[in-house]
Structures are given as C-alpha cells and as structure tokens.
Amino acid sequence: MERIDDTGFGDIRVIQNRGSGYGVDAVLLAAFAAGETGAKGQTKGSAEPLRIADLGTGCGVAAFILHHKLGGAVMTGYDISPNSIERARKACTMNGLSADIGFVCTDIKNIDAPACFDAVITNPPYFRRTPDEPGAAKPDERYVARHETTADISDFAAAAAMMLRAGGHLYMVHRPDRLADIFSAMRAAGIEPKEMQLVVPRAEKAANILLIHGIKGAGSELRMLPQISVHTADGGYTDEILKYYERV
C-alpha cells in the first residue's frame, strides 16, 4: 500500500510505502548539499543548470528537496528497487518536475553515465549484509534499502567518481561507525574528503549521523564543521533542524 505525503518544501509531495517513510537523514543531506549546514554547497550561479545525480534515491525525496532548495537543477536519481523508482517517477509527474528530474532503475555498479555531473548526493545503505541475519536470505524492499545487498560503500564511491566531472562534489549521509570505510573508499576512487559534520540526536548524546563532502581530484585537507543537534531536551526539533525543514 502507498501513501502520498506533503514534504513541507513548497508544494512537493512524495509517494511512500504505508508504515515507512523518509527520515531526517534525507533532509540533512539536501541541506548539506545546498550549503545550509555550513558546507561548501551547490549554488545556482551560472547560465547552465547544475547537473546532479542521486545514488540510492529511493522515493526521490532528497532529489526533490534539493531541487527545491537550489531553485532548480537537472537531476537524475538511481535506485535498484523497481517499486521505489516507480513511486519516484509518479511523484515527479505529480509535482510537475519531469522536465528537470528523471529516475533510472539500475544497480549502482551498472550505471553507465559520462563524467558530466557537477555533484552527486547519496544516502547509501548503512549496514553490511550479514548472511545469517533475519531477512538476508530473501531480502525485501526495506532490507535492501538499509543493507549492502549488491553494492557497498566502495561501489557507491566508484560510481560517483565515474559520474563526476573533474572538481565535482560528492555529498553523503551515513553513520559514524562506517567513517574509516567511507574515507578509504572515497580516496580509492579519487574523491578527497574535504568536510565532515557530525549529527547528534540531542545534546550530550553520541553522534548517530555523519555528513561527508568530498571533491574529485582535490588535495588533502579536511575541515570539521560544527555539530548539529536534531532534538531539544523535550523531544521537539531544534531551531536548526526546523530551519532545514523550512519551518522557521
């Protein structure tokens, strides 16, 4: 079963599975790539529209939100799930964005695209696949979205490097416990980590979300950005998060 949800970003709506939905990770990724969290983000500053790819796009929400924040860009979302891509395409038509945004159903490792993208954003599966884990033998759509069933961090980094122009930007949201894997994969692919930002569920808690910005072919120098807190002590969103959601 599907449901249609308003995102709160202009008139953008997304189509999702009932019982599941996008989280703050997607909103943080879009805000990070747009430069709202302090990173060197993408801006609409030239006559030519930005070309941006979204690897592991799911229902397309991060692509829709970033398109909104940038005031337009030519975007292509890629995902292995036919159901997710079908929902993303239907939402794209519903939102009147088919001229700017397209979606492709494919495994990350099978993407064949020229090195013409200004930026790649990605919210890849966070968890390694464990063969004896429940759901691993016959993975459903939710399991595939959360686990590295066919492609891992190295594959996502390699795909991004193949698609980016020289000096192009990679923006990733992931988990802090995979930081060593992420840095290793990015450097192996020729993408240098340039900015890192930790996200905590609330003050005094350990970080559970990681934002990474890298540049293809750049020199080595990593900048740490200020930490982001998601929730206040009473459980509501902080003013900073509400700003990224465009509710203040």
Protein backbone atom coordinates (compact mmCIF):
# COMPACT_ATOMS: atom_id res chain seq x y z
CA MET A 1 0.00 0.00 0.00
CA GLU A 2 1.14 3.52 -0.77
CA ARG A 3 0.51 6.92 0.70
CA ILE A 4 1.07 10.47 -0.54
CA ASP A 5 2.81 12.81 1.90
CA ASP A 6 3.36 16.57 1.81
CA THR A 7 7.02 17.36 2.48
CA GLY A 8 6.50 20.99 3.53
CA PHE A 9 9.00 22.10 0.89
CA GLY A 10 6.82 24.23 -1.35
CA ASP A 11 4.14 22.02 -2.85
CA ILE A 12 6.36 18.95 -3.13
CA ARG A 13 4.74 15.63 -2.30
CA VAL A 14 6.25 12.15 -2.20
CA ILE A 15 4.76 8.68 -2.58
CA GLN A 16 5.87 6.19 0.06
CA ASN A 17 5.03 2.78 1.47
CA ARG A 18 2.48 2.80 4.24
CA GLY A 19 4.25 2.09 7.53
CA SER A 20 7.54 3.60 6.39
CA GLY A 21 8.81 6.95 5.25
CA TYR A 22 11.83 9.16 4.77
CA GLY A 23 13.63 10.50 7.82
CA VAL A 24 15.71 13.47 8.84
CA ASP A 25 18.70 11.91 7.01
CA ALA A 26 17.28 12.91 3.62
CA VAL A 27 16.54 16.46 4.77
CA LEU A 28 20.03 16.81 6.25
CA LEU A 29 21.61 15.53 3.03
CA ALA A 30 19.73 18.08 0.92
CA ALA A 31 20.54 20.91 3.35
CA PHE A 32 24.21 19.83 3.44
CA ALA A 33 24.48 19.75 -0.36
CA ALA A 34 22.77 23.15 -0.59
CA GLY A 35 25.31 24.66 1.81
CA GLU A 36 22.79 25.36 4.57
CA THR A 37 24.71 23.49 7.29
CA GLY A 38 27.98 25.33 6.62
CA ALA A 39 29.46 23.06 3.96
CA LYS A 40 30.58 24.26 0.55
CA GLY A 41 27.30 23.55 -1.15
CA GLN A 42 25.94 23.82 -4.65
CA THR A 43 24.55 27.15 -5.81
CA LYS A 44 22.64 28.28 -8.87
CA GLY A 45 25.21 30.73 -10.12
CA SER A 46 25.67 30.14 -13.84
CA ALA A 47 23.64 30.23 -17.03
CA GLU A 48 23.91 26.44 -17.34
CA PRO A 49 21.80 24.44 -14.88
CA LEU A 50 23.58 22.27 -12.35
CA ARG A 51 23.66 18.54 -13.15
CA ILE A 52 23.23 16.45 -10.01
CA ALA A 53 22.86 12.69 -9.52
CA ASP A 54 21.23 10.98 -6.53
CA LEU A 55 22.58 7.46 -5.91
CA GLY A 56 20.18 5.25 -3.96
CA THR A 57 17.37 7.75 -4.46
CA GLY A 58 14.55 5.62 -3.00
CA CYS A 59 11.27 7.55 -3.35
CA GLY A 60 13.24 10.54 -4.70
CA VAL A 61 12.70 12.77 -1.68
CA ALA A 62 16.29 14.08 -1.38
CA ALA A 63 16.34 14.90 -5.10
CA PHE A 64 13.02 16.74 -4.83
CA ILE A 65 14.09 18.71 -1.76
CA LEU A 66 17.49 19.66 -3.17
CA HIS A 67 15.90 20.75 -6.46
CA HIS A 68 13.60 22.98 -4.41
CA LYS A 69 16.42 24.42 -2.28
CA LEU A 70 18.59 25.23 -5.31
CA GLY A 71 15.78 26.83 -7.25
CA GLY A 72 16.16 24.24 -9.97
CA ALA A 73 18.76 21.78 -11.27
CA VAL A 74 18.82 18.91 -13.74
CA MET A 75 18.73 15.83 -11.54
CA THR A 76 18.82 12.08 -12.10
CA GLY A 77 18.01 9.58 -9.36
CA TYR A 78 19.24 5.97 -9.46
CA ASP A 79 17.95 3.04 -7.42
CA ILE A 80 17.92 -0.76 -7.67
CA SER A 81 14.30 -1.07 -6.50
CA PRO A 82 11.71 -1.03 -9.31
CA ASN A 83 8.97 -0.19 -6.81
CA SER A 84 10.89 2.80 -5.42
CA ILE A 85 11.65 4.11 -8.91
CA GLU A 86 8.01 3.71 -9.94
CA ARG A 87 6.92 5.76 -6.91
CA ALA A 88 9.60 8.39 -7.58
CA ARG A 89 8.50 8.73 -11.22
CA LYS A 90 4.83 9.05 -10.28
CA ALA A 91 5.68 11.69 -7.66
CA CYS A 92 7.83 13.54 -10.19
CA THR A 93 4.89 13.77 -12.57
CA MET A 94 2.56 14.72 -9.73
CA ASN A 95 4.93 17.54 -8.72
CA GLY A 96 5.32 18.79 -12.28
CA LEU A 97 9.09 18.24 -12.24
CA SER A 98 9.51 15.77 -15.10
CA ALA A 99 11.33 18.38 -17.22
CA ASP A 100 14.09 18.68 -14.58
CA ILE A 101 14.21 15.34 -12.76
CA GLY A 102 14.40 11.78 -14.08
CA PHE A 103 14.80 8.38 -12.43
CA VAL A 104 16.65 5.25 -13.56
CA CYS A 105 16.20 1.73 -12.16
CA THR A 106 19.61 0.08 -12.02
CA ASP A 107 22.23 -1.39 -9.73
CA ILE A 108 24.81 1.24 -8.77
CA LYS A 109 27.54 -0.95 -10.27
CA ASN A 110 25.79 -0.98 -13.66
CA ILE A 111 25.43 2.78 -14.15
CA ASP A 112 26.81 3.90 -17.50
CA ALA A 113 26.97 7.70 -17.50
CA PRO A 114 29.50 10.25 -18.72
CA ALA A 115 31.62 12.26 -16.27
CA CYS A 116 29.38 15.30 -16.62
CA PHE A 117 27.76 15.74 -13.21
CA ASP A 118 28.59 18.76 -11.06
CA ALA A 119 27.58 16.91 -7.90
CA VAL A 120 26.43 13.54 -6.61
CA ILE A 121 24.36 13.12 -3.47
CA THR A 122 23.85 9.77 -1.81
CA ASN A 123 22.15 8.17 1.16
CA PRO A 124 23.50 4.63 0.66
CA PRO A 125 22.56 1.54 2.69
CA TYR A 126 24.08 1.94 6.15
CA PHE A 127 24.56 -1.67 7.21
CA ARG A 128 26.71 -4.53 5.97
CA ARG A 129 24.84 -7.61 4.84
CA THR A 130 25.16 -10.48 7.30
CA PRO A 131 24.23 -13.82 5.68
CA ASP A 132 22.62 -15.29 8.81
CA GLU A 133 20.70 -12.10 9.67
CA PRO A 134 16.89 -12.37 9.53
CA GLY A 135 15.73 -11.18 6.11
CA ALA A 136 19.11 -11.63 4.42
CA ALA A 137 18.21 -14.82 2.56
CA LYS A 138 15.20 -13.29 0.81
CA PRO A 139 15.65 -9.53 1.22
CA ASP A 140 12.55 -7.38 0.82
CA GLU A 141 12.49 -3.76 -0.31
CA ARG A 142 13.09 -2.33 3.15
CA TYR A 143 16.01 -4.68 3.82
CA VAL A 144 17.65 -3.76 0.50
CA ALA A 145 17.30 -0.04 1.28
CA ARG A 146 19.13 -0.49 4.59
CA HIS A 147 21.74 -3.16 3.80
CA GLU A 148 24.60 -3.52 1.30
CA THR A 149 22.99 -6.36 -0.62
CA THR A 150 24.58 -5.80 -4.06
CA ALA A 151 26.76 -2.70 -3.63
CA ASP A 152 28.85 -1.38 -0.74
CA ILE A 153 30.44 1.97 0.10
CA SER A 154 33.30 1.35 -2.33
CA ASP A 155 30.82 0.78 -5.16
CA PHE A 156 28.94 3.98 -4.37
CA ALA A 157 32.20 5.97 -4.25
CA ALA A 158 33.40 4.43 -7.52
CA ALA A 159 30.09 5.21 -9.24
CA ALA A 160 30.21 8.80 -8.00
CA ALA A 161 33.80 9.23 -9.23
CA MET A 162 32.89 7.85 -12.64
CA MET A 163 29.96 10.27 -12.98
CA LEU A 164 31.56 13.46 -11.61
CA ARG A 165 33.40 15.98 -13.74
CA ALA A 166 36.89 16.98 -12.57
CA GLY A 167 36.42 19.02 -9.40
CA GLY A 168 32.88 17.71 -8.94
CA HIS A 169 31.37 17.28 -5.49
CA LEU A 170 30.14 14.24 -3.55
CA TYR A 171 27.76 14.70 -0.62
CA MET A 172 26.99 11.65 1.53
CA VAL A 173 24.94 10.95 4.63
CA HIS A 174 25.93 7.81 6.54
CA ARG A 175 26.75 6.50 10.03
CA PRO A 176 29.82 7.45 12.11
CA ASP A 177 30.79 3.81 12.68
CA ARG A 178 31.50 3.48 8.93
CA LEU A 179 33.79 6.53 8.79
CA ALA A 180 37.01 4.58 8.16
CA ASP A 181 35.32 2.62 5.35
CA ILE A 182 33.97 5.83 3.81
CA PHE A 183 37.30 7.67 3.80
CA SER A 184 39.11 4.62 2.41
CA ALA A 185 36.53 4.15 -0.36
CA MET A 186 36.47 7.81 -1.34
CA ARG A 187 40.26 8.08 -1.60
CA ALA A 188 40.49 4.83 -3.56
CA ALA A 189 38.00 6.31 -6.04
CA GLY A 190 39.91 9.60 -6.34
CA ILE A 191 37.49 11.67 -4.26
CA GLU A 192 39.16 13.55 -1.42
CA PRO A 193 37.17 14.08 1.82
CA LYS A 194 37.03 17.85 2.38
CA GLU A 195 34.34 18.48 5.01
CA MET A 196 32.79 16.38 7.76
CA GLN A 197 29.87 17.13 10.06
CA LEU A 198 28.51 15.03 12.92
CA VAL A 199 24.84 14.96 13.88
CA VAL A 200 23.66 14.03 17.39
CA PRO A 201 20.11 13.04 18.34
CA ARG A 202 20.28 15.64 21.14
CA ALA A 203 22.90 17.45 23.20
CA GLU A 204 25.11 15.19 25.36
CA LYS A 205 24.41 12.19 23.10
CA ALA A 206 26.87 10.44 20.80
CA ALA A 207 26.65 11.19 17.08
CA ASN A 208 24.50 8.80 15.05
CA ILE A 209 24.56 10.54 11.66
CA LEU A 210 27.55 11.61 9.58
CA LEU A 211 27.68 14.09 6.70
CA ILE A 212 30.67 13.91 4.34
CA HIS A 213 31.62 16.23 1.46
CA GLY A 214 34.36 15.25 -0.98
CA ILE A 215 35.78 16.69 -4.20
CA LYS A 216 37.02 14.67 -7.16
CA GLY A 217 40.75 15.17 -7.68
CA ALA A 218 41.21 17.63 -4.79
CA GLY A 219 44.20 17.89 -2.48
CA SER A 220 44.16 16.61 1.08
CA GLU A 221 42.73 18.90 3.75
CA LEU A 222 39.72 18.05 5.91
CA ARG A 223 37.57 20.68 7.62
CA MET A 224 35.38 19.80 10.60
CA LEU A 225 32.05 21.61 10.62
CA PRO A 226 30.05 22.45 13.79
CA GLN A 227 27.97 19.64 15.23
CA ILE A 228 24.23 19.55 14.56
CA SER A 229 21.67 18.58 17.24
CA VAL A 230 18.37 17.17 15.98
CA HIS A 231 16.16 17.23 19.08
CA THR A 232 15.71 19.51 22.07
CA ALA A 233 15.52 18.15 25.62
CA ASP A 234 11.72 17.88 25.36
CA GLY A 235 11.90 15.84 22.15
CA GLY A 236 10.99 18.50 19.61
CA TYR A 237 13.16 19.56 16.70
CA THR A 238 15.85 22.16 17.36
CA ASP A 239 15.58 25.54 15.62
CA GLU A 240 18.46 24.49 13.37
CA ILE A 241 16.61 21.41 12.12
CA LEU A 242 13.39 23.40 11.71
CA LYS A 243 15.38 25.81 9.52
CA TYR A 244 16.48 22.94 7.27
CA TYR A 245 12.84 21.83 7.07
CA GLU A 246 11.98 25.46 6.18
CA ARG A 247 9.54 25.74 9.07
CA VAL A 248 11.09 28.83 10.68
